[in-house]
Amino acid sequence: MIEINRSSKYIEAAMNARAARQDIISSNLANVDTPFYRSKDIHFEGMLAEQAQSEFNSRFKKKLCLAETSPMHIQPKASAPQKPVLFYRDGHMARNDGNTVDLDVETSELSKNGVMYSALSSTYQKNRAIFNAVLEASRNLS
């Protein structure tokens, strides 16, 4: 896939993490009546913010680059954003059957996640539209 701008790989990673979170929350809701089921979640906002901070706000890259003695050397691949971390959401009281799924929390997290995914999707589409407009304008100049 073509990298439209520096933020496109972060938008894609965030969308993938939001899709994974949607699956995890749906699994929590499906197991609302399963005894001893512990609700799960993923935390990726802090990780994405940390990587975006290092990518966009650093004047100098604090990264050790490979020495090149020939222009024929193969360039290393850019590091992709890290994967989200799965954790158990145990901050809620367990019911008598040991289940920690709170229906109100899960449904509100599900809707919040849907809104965030929609916002990321809109941002990605707008970036692509701008990129396509620039390509079309450069094609018309030729």
N, C-alpha and C. Protein backbone atom coordinates (compact mmCIF):
# COMPACT_ATOMS: atom_id res chain seq x y z
N MET A 1 0.84 -1.18 0.00
CA MET A 1 0.00 0.00 0.00
C MET A 1 0.88 1.24 0.00
N ILE A 2 0.47 2.25 -0.72
CA ILE A 2 1.23 3.49 -0.82
C ILE A 2 1.07 4.28 0.47
N GLU A 3 2.20 4.78 0.97
CA GLU A 3 2.14 5.63 2.16
C GLU A 3 1.84 7.05 1.71
N ILE A 4 0.66 7.53 2.03
CA ILE A 4 0.20 8.83 1.56
C ILE A 4 0.96 9.95 2.26
N ASN A 5 1.08 9.86 3.56
CA ASN A 5 1.86 10.82 4.33
C ASN A 5 2.39 10.12 5.58
N ARG A 6 3.08 10.86 6.40
CA ARG A 6 3.73 10.24 7.57
C ARG A 6 2.73 9.68 8.57
N SER A 7 1.52 10.18 8.58
CA SER A 7 0.55 9.70 9.56
C SER A 7 -0.28 8.52 9.07
N SER A 8 -0.19 8.18 7.80
CA SER A 8 -1.07 7.13 7.27
C SER A 8 -0.81 5.77 7.92
N LYS A 9 0.45 5.44 8.22
CA LYS A 9 0.70 4.13 8.85
C LYS A 9 0.15 4.10 10.27
N TYR A 10 0.10 5.24 10.94
CA TYR A 10 -0.46 5.28 12.29
C TYR A 10 -1.99 5.19 12.25
N ILE A 11 -2.59 5.79 11.24
CA ILE A 11 -4.04 5.70 11.09
C ILE A 11 -4.42 4.25 10.80
N GLU A 12 -3.67 3.59 9.92
CA GLU A 12 -3.95 2.19 9.61
C GLU A 12 -3.77 1.31 10.85
N ALA A 13 -2.71 1.54 11.61
CA ALA A 13 -2.47 0.74 12.82
C ALA A 13 -3.58 0.97 13.84
N ALA A 14 -4.02 2.22 13.97
CA ALA A 14 -5.09 2.52 14.92
C ALA A 14 -6.41 1.88 14.48
N MET A 15 -6.67 1.88 13.18
CA MET A 15 -7.89 1.24 12.68
C MET A 15 -7.85 -0.27 12.92
N ASN A 16 -6.69 -0.88 12.71
CA ASN A 16 -6.56 -2.32 12.98
C ASN A 16 -6.75 -2.63 14.45
N ALA A 17 -6.19 -1.77 15.31
CA ALA A 17 -6.35 -1.98 16.75
C ALA A 17 -7.80 -1.76 17.17
N ARG A 18 -8.46 -0.78 16.58
CA ARG A 18 -9.89 -0.55 16.89
C ARG A 18 -10.73 -1.75 16.45
N ALA A 19 -10.41 -2.33 15.30
CA ALA A 19 -11.14 -3.52 14.84
C ALA A 19 -10.91 -4.68 15.80
N ALA A 20 -9.68 -4.84 16.27
CA ALA A 20 -9.38 -5.90 17.24
C ALA A 20 -10.13 -5.64 18.54
N ARG A 21 -10.20 -4.37 18.95
CA ARG A 21 -10.92 -4.04 20.18
C ARG A 21 -12.41 -4.33 20.04
N GLN A 22 -12.95 -4.08 18.85
CA GLN A 22 -14.36 -4.38 18.59
C GLN A 22 -14.61 -5.88 18.79
N ASP A 23 -13.70 -6.71 18.28
CA ASP A 23 -13.84 -8.16 18.45
C ASP A 23 -13.77 -8.57 19.92
N ILE A 24 -12.86 -7.96 20.67
CA ILE A 24 -12.69 -8.31 22.09
C ILE A 24 -13.91 -7.90 22.90
N ILE A 25 -14.44 -6.70 22.64
CA ILE A 25 -15.62 -6.24 23.37
C ILE A 25 -16.82 -7.11 23.01
N SER A 26 -16.93 -7.49 21.74
CA SER A 26 -18.02 -8.39 21.33
C SER A 26 -17.91 -9.73 22.02
N SER A 27 -16.69 -10.21 22.19
CA SER A 27 -16.47 -11.47 22.91
C SER A 27 -16.87 -11.32 24.38
N ASN A 28 -16.56 -10.18 24.97
CA ASN A 28 -16.97 -9.93 26.36
C ASN A 28 -18.49 -9.97 26.48
N LEU A 29 -19.16 -9.31 25.53
CA LEU A 29 -20.63 -9.29 25.57
C LEU A 29 -21.21 -10.68 25.35
N ALA A 30 -20.57 -11.48 24.49
CA ALA A 30 -21.06 -12.83 24.24
C ALA A 30 -20.90 -13.72 25.47
N ASN A 31 -19.94 -13.39 26.33
CA ASN A 31 -19.68 -14.20 27.52
C ASN A 31 -20.22 -13.55 28.80
N VAL A 32 -21.23 -12.72 28.68
CA VAL A 32 -21.76 -12.02 29.84
C VAL A 32 -22.33 -12.98 30.88
N ASP A 33 -22.79 -14.15 30.46
CA ASP A 33 -23.36 -15.11 31.40
C ASP A 33 -22.46 -16.33 31.64
N THR A 34 -21.21 -16.28 31.18
CA THR A 34 -20.28 -17.39 31.37
C THR A 34 -19.64 -17.28 32.75
N PRO A 35 -19.79 -18.30 33.59
CA PRO A 35 -19.18 -18.23 34.93
C PRO A 35 -17.65 -18.11 34.86
N PHE A 36 -17.10 -17.29 35.73
CA PHE A 36 -15.66 -17.06 35.89
C PHE A 36 -14.98 -16.45 34.65
N TYR A 37 -15.77 -15.87 33.76
CA TYR A 37 -15.18 -15.19 32.61
C TYR A 37 -14.69 -13.81 33.05
N ARG A 38 -13.47 -13.48 32.68
CA ARG A 38 -12.90 -12.17 33.01
C ARG A 38 -12.90 -11.31 31.75
N SER A 39 -13.47 -10.11 31.85
CA SER A 39 -13.54 -9.24 30.67
C SER A 39 -12.14 -8.80 30.26
N LYS A 40 -11.94 -8.68 28.95
CA LYS A 40 -10.65 -8.32 28.37
C LYS A 40 -10.77 -7.00 27.64
N ASP A 41 -9.63 -6.39 27.41
CA ASP A 41 -9.57 -5.15 26.64
C ASP A 41 -8.16 -5.01 26.10
N ILE A 42 -7.95 -4.07 25.21
CA ILE A 42 -6.61 -3.77 24.73
C ILE A 42 -6.31 -2.30 24.96
N HIS A 43 -5.05 -2.01 25.20
CA HIS A 43 -4.62 -0.63 25.42
C HIS A 43 -3.62 -0.27 24.33
N PHE A 44 -4.00 0.64 23.46
CA PHE A 44 -3.10 1.01 22.39
C PHE A 44 -2.96 2.52 22.23
N GLU A 45 -3.81 3.31 22.88
CA GLU A 45 -3.75 4.75 22.71
C GLU A 45 -2.41 5.31 23.18
N GLY A 46 -1.94 4.86 24.33
CA GLY A 46 -0.67 5.36 24.86
C GLY A 46 0.50 4.99 23.97
N MET A 47 0.47 3.77 23.45
CA MET A 47 1.54 3.32 22.57
C MET A 47 1.55 4.11 21.27
N LEU A 48 0.38 4.34 20.67
CA LEU A 48 0.33 5.12 19.44
C LEU A 48 0.74 6.57 19.68
N ALA A 49 0.32 7.13 20.81
CA ALA A 49 0.69 8.51 21.13
C ALA A 49 2.20 8.64 21.31
N GLU A 50 2.80 7.65 21.94
CA GLU A 50 4.25 7.67 22.15
C GLU A 50 5.00 7.59 20.82
N GLN A 51 4.54 6.72 19.93
CA GLN A 51 5.20 6.61 18.64
C GLN A 51 4.98 7.84 17.77
N ALA A 52 3.79 8.41 17.82
CA ALA A 52 3.54 9.64 17.05
C ALA A 52 4.39 10.78 17.58
N GLN A 53 4.54 10.86 18.90
CA GLN A 53 5.37 11.89 19.51
C GLN A 53 6.81 11.76 19.02
N SER A 54 7.32 10.55 18.98
CA SER A 54 8.71 10.36 18.54
C SER A 54 8.85 10.62 17.04
N GLU A 55 7.81 10.34 16.26
CA GLU A 55 7.89 10.53 14.81
C GLU A 55 7.75 12.00 14.40
N PHE A 56 6.81 12.69 15.01
CA PHE A 56 6.47 14.03 14.54
C PHE A 56 7.12 15.17 15.32
N ASN A 57 7.52 14.94 16.56
CA ASN A 57 8.01 16.05 17.39
C ASN A 57 9.50 16.01 17.67
N SER A 58 10.23 15.13 17.07
CA SER A 58 11.67 15.11 17.33
C SER A 58 12.40 15.80 16.19
N ARG A 59 13.30 16.70 16.55
CA ARG A 59 14.08 17.38 15.52
C ARG A 59 15.12 16.44 14.94
N PHE A 60 15.73 15.68 15.82
CA PHE A 60 16.78 14.77 15.39
C PHE A 60 16.34 13.35 15.71
N LYS A 61 16.51 12.50 14.75
CA LYS A 61 16.20 11.10 14.98
C LYS A 61 17.25 10.51 15.91
N LYS A 62 16.80 9.92 17.00
CA LYS A 62 17.70 9.28 17.94
C LYS A 62 17.78 7.80 17.61
N LYS A 63 18.04 7.54 16.36
CA LYS A 63 18.04 6.18 15.88
C LYS A 63 19.39 5.92 15.21
N LEU A 64 19.96 4.81 15.54
CA LEU A 64 21.22 4.42 14.95
C LEU A 64 20.97 3.91 13.54
N CYS A 65 21.55 4.58 12.55
CA CYS A 65 21.37 4.19 11.16
C CYS A 65 22.48 3.23 10.75
N LEU A 66 22.19 2.38 9.81
CA LEU A 66 23.17 1.45 9.30
C LEU A 66 24.18 2.19 8.42
N ALA A 67 25.42 1.78 8.52
CA ALA A 67 26.45 2.36 7.67
C ALA A 67 26.31 1.80 6.26
N GLU A 68 26.47 2.65 5.28
CA GLU A 68 26.38 2.24 3.89
C GLU A 68 27.71 2.48 3.21
N THR A 69 28.25 1.45 2.62
CA THR A 69 29.50 1.60 1.88
C THR A 69 29.27 1.49 0.38
N SER A 70 28.04 1.13 0.01
CA SER A 70 27.72 0.98 -1.39
C SER A 70 26.26 1.38 -1.62
N PRO A 71 25.96 2.04 -2.74
CA PRO A 71 24.56 2.37 -3.02
C PRO A 71 23.71 1.14 -3.34
N MET A 72 24.35 -0.01 -3.49
CA MET A 72 23.64 -1.26 -3.79
C MET A 72 23.09 -1.93 -2.53
N HIS A 73 23.38 -1.39 -1.36
CA HIS A 73 22.88 -1.99 -0.12
C HIS A 73 21.36 -1.95 -0.08
N ILE A 74 20.77 -2.98 0.48
CA ILE A 74 19.32 -3.02 0.65
C ILE A 74 18.98 -2.17 1.87
N GLN A 75 18.00 -1.30 1.70
CA GLN A 75 17.58 -0.43 2.79
C GLN A 75 16.72 -1.21 3.78
N PRO A 76 16.89 -0.95 5.09
CA PRO A 76 16.06 -1.64 6.09
C PRO A 76 14.62 -1.14 6.02
N LYS A 77 13.71 -1.99 6.40
CA LYS A 77 12.31 -1.60 6.43
C LYS A 77 12.05 -0.69 7.62
N ALA A 78 11.16 0.26 7.43
CA ALA A 78 10.78 1.13 8.53
C ALA A 78 10.01 0.32 9.56
N SER A 79 10.23 0.63 10.82
CA SER A 79 9.54 -0.12 11.86
C SER A 79 8.07 0.26 11.89
N ALA A 80 7.22 -0.73 11.96
CA ALA A 80 5.78 -0.51 12.02
C ALA A 80 5.39 -0.27 13.47
N PRO A 81 4.26 0.41 13.67
CA PRO A 81 3.79 0.59 15.04
C PRO A 81 3.60 -0.74 15.75
N GLN A 82 3.84 -0.74 17.04
CA GLN A 82 3.72 -1.97 17.81
C GLN A 82 2.27 -2.41 17.88
N LYS A 83 2.09 -3.66 18.25
CA LYS A 83 0.75 -4.20 18.37
C LYS A 83 0.16 -3.83 19.72
N PRO A 84 -1.16 -3.73 19.80
CA PRO A 84 -1.79 -3.41 21.08
C PRO A 84 -1.60 -4.52 22.10
N VAL A 85 -1.66 -4.15 23.37
CA VAL A 85 -1.44 -5.08 24.47
C VAL A 85 -2.79 -5.49 25.04
N LEU A 86 -3.00 -6.81 25.17
CA LEU A 86 -4.23 -7.35 25.74
C LEU A 86 -4.10 -7.42 27.26
N PHE A 87 -5.14 -7.01 27.96
CA PHE A 87 -5.14 -7.11 29.42
C PHE A 87 -6.54 -7.45 29.91
N TYR A 88 -6.61 -7.93 31.15
CA TYR A 88 -7.90 -8.21 31.77
C TYR A 88 -8.40 -6.96 32.46
N ARG A 89 -9.64 -6.62 32.19
CA ARG A 89 -10.25 -5.44 32.80
C ARG A 89 -10.92 -5.88 34.10
N ASP A 90 -10.13 -5.90 35.18
CA ASP A 90 -10.61 -6.41 36.46
C ASP A 90 -11.02 -5.32 37.44
N GLY A 91 -11.20 -4.11 36.98
CA GLY A 91 -11.56 -3.03 37.89
C GLY A 91 -13.00 -3.07 38.37
N HIS A 92 -13.81 -3.96 37.80
CA HIS A 92 -15.22 -4.03 38.16
C HIS A 92 -15.44 -5.19 39.12
N MET A 93 -16.46 -5.06 39.90
CA MET A 93 -16.80 -6.10 40.87
C MET A 93 -17.25 -7.36 40.14
N ALA A 94 -16.73 -8.48 40.58
CA ALA A 94 -17.16 -9.76 40.02
C ALA A 94 -18.51 -10.13 40.64
N ARG A 95 -19.34 -10.74 39.83
CA ARG A 95 -20.62 -11.20 40.34
C ARG A 95 -20.40 -12.47 41.15
N ASN A 96 -21.48 -13.01 41.70
CA ASN A 96 -21.38 -14.23 42.51
C ASN A 96 -20.80 -15.40 41.73
N ASP A 97 -21.00 -15.42 40.40
CA ASP A 97 -20.46 -16.52 39.59
C ASP A 97 -19.03 -16.24 39.12
N GLY A 98 -18.41 -15.15 39.55
CA GLY A 98 -17.02 -14.84 39.21
C GLY A 98 -16.86 -14.10 37.90
N ASN A 99 -17.93 -13.78 37.20
CA ASN A 99 -17.87 -13.08 35.93
C ASN A 99 -17.65 -11.59 36.19
N THR A 100 -16.72 -10.98 35.44
CA THR A 100 -16.43 -9.55 35.64
C THR A 100 -16.97 -8.67 34.52
N VAL A 101 -17.78 -9.21 33.62
CA VAL A 101 -18.33 -8.43 32.51
C VAL A 101 -19.45 -7.54 33.03
N ASP A 102 -19.32 -6.24 32.82
CA ASP A 102 -20.35 -5.27 33.17
C ASP A 102 -21.02 -4.84 31.86
N LEU A 103 -22.28 -5.17 31.71
CA LEU A 103 -23.00 -4.92 30.47
C LEU A 103 -23.01 -3.44 30.10
N ASP A 104 -23.20 -2.56 31.06
CA ASP A 104 -23.21 -1.12 30.78
C ASP A 104 -21.85 -0.64 30.29
N VAL A 105 -20.79 -1.08 30.92
CA VAL A 105 -19.43 -0.67 30.52
C VAL A 105 -19.13 -1.18 29.11
N GLU A 106 -19.45 -2.44 28.86
CA GLU A 106 -19.13 -3.04 27.56
C GLU A 106 -19.90 -2.35 26.42
N THR A 107 -21.18 -2.07 26.62
CA THR A 107 -21.95 -1.43 25.55
C THR A 107 -21.47 0.00 25.31
N SER A 108 -21.11 0.73 26.37
CA SER A 108 -20.61 2.09 26.17
C SER A 108 -19.23 2.07 25.50
N GLU A 109 -18.38 1.11 25.87
CA GLU A 109 -17.06 0.98 25.21
C GLU A 109 -17.22 0.57 23.75
N LEU A 110 -18.21 -0.27 23.47
CA LEU A 110 -18.47 -0.70 22.10
C LEU A 110 -18.88 0.49 21.23
N SER A 111 -19.77 1.33 21.73
CA SER A 111 -20.21 2.49 20.95
C SER A 111 -19.09 3.52 20.82
N LYS A 112 -18.32 3.73 21.89
CA LYS A 112 -17.19 4.67 21.82
C LYS A 112 -16.16 4.18 20.80
N ASN A 113 -15.89 2.90 20.80
CA ASN A 113 -14.94 2.33 19.85
C ASN A 113 -15.44 2.49 18.42
N GLY A 114 -16.73 2.32 18.21
CA GLY A 114 -17.31 2.50 16.87
C GLY A 114 -17.16 3.92 16.37
N VAL A 115 -17.38 4.88 17.25
CA VAL A 115 -17.22 6.29 16.87
C VAL A 115 -15.77 6.60 16.53
N MET A 116 -14.83 6.07 17.33
CA MET A 116 -13.42 6.30 17.07
C MET A 116 -12.99 5.66 15.75
N TYR A 117 -13.48 4.46 15.45
CA TYR A 117 -13.15 3.80 14.19
C TYR A 117 -13.69 4.62 13.02
N SER A 118 -14.89 5.12 13.16
CA SER A 118 -15.50 5.93 12.11
C SER A 118 -14.70 7.22 11.87
N ALA A 119 -14.23 7.84 12.94
CA ALA A 119 -13.42 9.05 12.80
C ALA A 119 -12.10 8.74 12.11
N LEU A 120 -11.46 7.64 12.47
CA LEU A 120 -10.22 7.25 11.81
C LEU A 120 -10.45 6.94 10.33
N SER A 121 -11.55 6.27 10.03
CA SER A 121 -11.86 5.95 8.65
C SER A 121 -12.09 7.22 7.82
N SER A 122 -12.79 8.18 8.39
CA SER A 122 -13.01 9.46 7.70
C SER A 122 -11.70 10.20 7.45
N THR A 123 -10.83 10.19 8.45
CA THR A 123 -9.53 10.84 8.30
C THR A 123 -8.72 10.18 7.21
N TYR A 124 -8.72 8.87 7.18
CA TYR A 124 -7.97 8.14 6.16
C TYR A 124 -8.52 8.43 4.77
N GLN A 125 -9.85 8.47 4.64
CA GLN A 125 -10.47 8.76 3.35
C GLN A 125 -10.16 10.18 2.88
N LYS A 126 -10.13 11.13 3.81
CA LYS A 126 -9.80 12.51 3.43
C LYS A 126 -8.35 12.62 2.99
N ASN A 127 -7.45 11.91 3.67
CA ASN A 127 -6.05 11.91 3.26
C ASN A 127 -5.91 11.33 1.85
N ARG A 128 -6.62 10.26 1.57
CA ARG A 128 -6.57 9.66 0.23
C ARG A 128 -7.16 10.59 -0.82
N ALA A 129 -8.23 11.30 -0.47
CA ALA A 129 -8.85 12.23 -1.42
C ALA A 129 -7.88 13.36 -1.77
N ILE A 130 -7.18 13.88 -0.78
CA ILE A 130 -6.20 14.94 -1.04
C ILE A 130 -5.08 14.40 -1.91
N PHE A 131 -4.60 13.21 -1.60
CA PHE A 131 -3.53 12.58 -2.39
C PHE A 131 -3.98 12.37 -3.83
N ASN A 132 -5.21 11.87 -4.02
CA ASN A 132 -5.74 11.66 -5.37
C ASN A 132 -5.92 12.97 -6.12
N ALA A 133 -6.33 14.03 -5.42
CA ALA A 133 -6.49 15.34 -6.07
C ALA A 133 -5.15 15.87 -6.56
N VAL A 134 -4.10 15.68 -5.77
CA VAL A 134 -2.77 16.12 -6.19
C VAL A 134 -2.31 15.32 -7.40
N LEU A 135 -2.54 14.01 -7.38
CA LEU A 135 -2.18 13.18 -8.54
C LEU A 135 -2.93 13.61 -9.81
N GLU A 136 -4.21 13.88 -9.65
CA GLU A 136 -5.04 14.30 -10.80
C GLU A 136 -4.57 15.65 -11.33
N ALA A 137 -4.25 16.57 -10.43
CA ALA A 137 -3.77 17.89 -10.86
C ALA A 137 -2.43 17.78 -11.57
N SER A 138 -1.55 16.91 -11.08
CA SER A 138 -0.25 16.76 -11.75
C SER A 138 -0.41 16.06 -13.10
N ARG A 139 -1.39 15.20 -13.22
CA ARG A 139 -1.66 14.54 -14.50
C ARG A 139 -2.16 15.55 -15.52
N ASN A 140 -2.99 16.50 -15.09
CA ASN A 140 -3.54 17.51 -15.99
C ASN A 140 -2.48 18.50 -16.44
N LEU A 141 -1.41 18.69 -15.69
CA LEU A 141 -0.35 19.61 -16.07
C LEU A 141 0.50 19.06 -17.20
N SER A 142 0.54 17.75 -17.33
CA SER A 142 1.40 17.13 -18.35
C SER A 142 0.87 17.28 -19.74
